């Protein structure tokens, strides 16, 4: 095996492990659920609509009748739903080997979550921040637990304005600016979470990954349907299928050489596609002061305070 050829074939047995994958009913999340359940993990497929989750589960079980998958409702745009999901999970399970914060929305028009947050930061970052914080006690009780946050190459253009974090009333909002901010937040959170683990001597690691440019339904808001049909052949030259796009987060999830704070992405030109390797986040993503500010604001906004 070389660094350039890591695939799902390199995933070791996951038998006995319990995994949560957010957004597991489609795209990268679906591929992650499939790959990890194929290797023997018990996978909690967390998604907004149970019927879509059940359909995804049945699709996977068509090729793997022994796949252990439980569908649970989780709406990252609703804090009450996150609390409910965690309560149900804790009632059934005592350990969590892997939390794969995969779900996300991309470049949508300005809108608010049920709790009044700008939807992209609210879903991509704040929802996962709250979910992870509420699961801290379970992660602490699981040796070698991992938290994987899925970022994007769009983080390189991201900026965080702490005076207008949520683009109040749409001020300064553009779909791309908000998406870049949310993906930068994913990395700031990851690195600060690792520092939290270190400070509290928890046997857990936090890592991040990005899929390059992958063919998923996240692109549905970029342009009109007729325009997308015209441009799709051109896009296919630059993008990779979801089966490839998921590899960085899967490698982050299982690589025995992984260390806290590592960031995985494709090895191709500009990290747009290719096989998963360790890549570099921007200096902005590694800014400790910015990460602390984001953490404090995230606790204040979500009401989820991290304690061990």
Foldseek 3Di string as FASTA:
>chain_A
DDQFDDALVPFAAPAPAEEEQEPLLWFLNVLLLLSNQVSHYQYEYEYADQVSVVVSVVVSCVVPVNRRYHYDYADLLDLVRLVVRLVVCVVPDQAHQEYELPDFAAFDPFDHRPLGAGPRLSRQPLSVLQNCQSCVNRHLVYAAHEYEREAALLLVVEDADLVCRRCVVVPPDGRSRNNNPNRLLSLLQQQVVQVVCVVVVGNYAYEYEYQAAEDTCSCVRVDDPVVCVVCVVVVVVQYYYSSFSNQQRSCCSRPPPDGHSWYWAAPDDSRRGGHIDTDDDDVSSVDNVVSVSSSVVSCVSSVRDHDD
